[in-house]
Amino acid sequence: MIDNIVGTIKKLTEAGIALIALAIVLEVIFGANVAFVGVGVVENVLSIVGTLGSEGLVGLASIAVIYALFNR
């Protein structure tokens, strides 16, 4: 039961990452006004990276934790 739930969560996470990657590619190709995306995905990703980068060691540790969670 729990294995099914964990498997479903992993599949949803992979689908979400694929959608984010698709949105970034579409925004790079067509510009910021992609009709069905509706938000500035590249700006949001850059904001998150900037925030984590400005936090120094805490940001580096949080990136390491996120990386470890995605590679489980």
Protein backbone atom coordinates (compact mmCIF):
# COMPACT_ATOMS: atom_id res chain seq x y z
CA MET A 1 0.00 0.00 0.00
CA ILE A 2 2.67 2.48 1.03
CA ASP A 3 4.84 1.39 -1.92
CA ASN A 4 1.99 2.30 -4.26
CA ILE A 5 1.65 5.73 -2.68
CA VAL A 6 5.39 6.38 -2.83
CA GLY A 7 5.49 5.21 -6.45
CA THR A 8 2.61 7.52 -7.34
CA ILE A 9 4.29 10.48 -5.64
CA LYS A 10 7.53 9.77 -7.53
CA LYS A 11 5.68 9.63 -10.84
CA LEU A 12 3.85 12.89 -10.09
CA THR A 13 7.13 14.55 -9.15
CA GLU A 14 8.76 13.38 -12.38
CA ALA A 15 5.76 14.66 -14.37
CA GLY A 16 5.97 18.02 -12.58
CA ILE A 17 9.67 18.37 -13.33
CA ALA A 18 9.01 17.48 -16.97
CA LEU A 19 6.30 20.15 -17.15
CA ILE A 20 8.61 22.74 -15.63
CA ALA A 21 11.31 21.84 -18.16
CA LEU A 22 8.78 22.10 -21.00
CA ALA A 23 7.61 25.48 -19.75
CA ILE A 24 11.20 26.75 -19.61
CA VAL A 25 11.91 25.56 -23.15
CA LEU A 26 8.70 27.11 -24.46
CA GLU A 27 9.47 30.40 -22.72
CA VAL A 28 12.97 30.46 -24.18
CA ILE A 29 11.68 29.71 -27.69
CA PHE A 30 8.53 31.86 -27.74
CA GLY A 31 9.34 34.51 -25.15
CA ALA A 32 7.64 35.37 -21.88
CA ASN A 33 4.14 35.48 -23.37
CA VAL A 34 3.51 31.76 -23.80
CA ALA A 35 -0.27 31.50 -23.89
CA PHE A 36 -0.96 28.47 -21.72
CA VAL A 37 1.90 28.81 -19.24
CA GLY A 38 0.71 32.16 -17.87
CA VAL A 39 3.62 32.87 -15.53
CA GLY A 40 7.29 33.73 -15.92
CA VAL A 41 8.78 30.30 -15.23
CA VAL A 42 12.34 31.37 -15.97
CA GLU A 43 11.98 34.39 -13.66
CA ASN A 44 10.63 32.17 -10.87
CA VAL A 45 13.45 29.63 -11.24
CA LEU A 46 16.05 32.41 -11.28
CA SER A 47 14.46 33.91 -8.17
CA ILE A 48 14.64 30.59 -6.32
CA VAL A 49 18.26 30.03 -7.37
CA GLY A 50 19.14 33.60 -6.37
CA THR A 51 17.51 33.18 -2.99
CA LEU A 52 19.32 29.92 -2.31
CA GLY A 53 22.60 31.41 -3.53
CA SER A 54 22.35 34.43 -1.28
CA GLU A 55 21.86 32.27 1.79
CA GLY A 56 25.42 30.93 1.70
CA LEU A 57 25.97 27.66 3.55
CA VAL A 58 22.28 27.24 4.37
CA GLY A 59 21.40 27.53 0.69
CA LEU A 60 24.08 25.01 -0.21
CA ALA A 61 22.79 22.59 2.42
CA SER A 62 19.20 22.98 1.19
CA ILE A 63 20.29 22.30 -2.40
CA ALA A 64 22.10 19.17 -1.19
CA VAL A 65 18.95 17.98 0.62
CA ILE A 66 16.75 18.63 -2.42
CA TYR A 67 19.26 16.81 -4.65
CA ALA A 68 19.35 13.84 -2.29
CA LEU A 69 15.56 13.65 -2.20
CA PHE A 70 15.28 13.63 -5.98
CA ASN A 71 17.95 10.92 -6.36
CA ARG A 72 16.48 8.46 -3.86
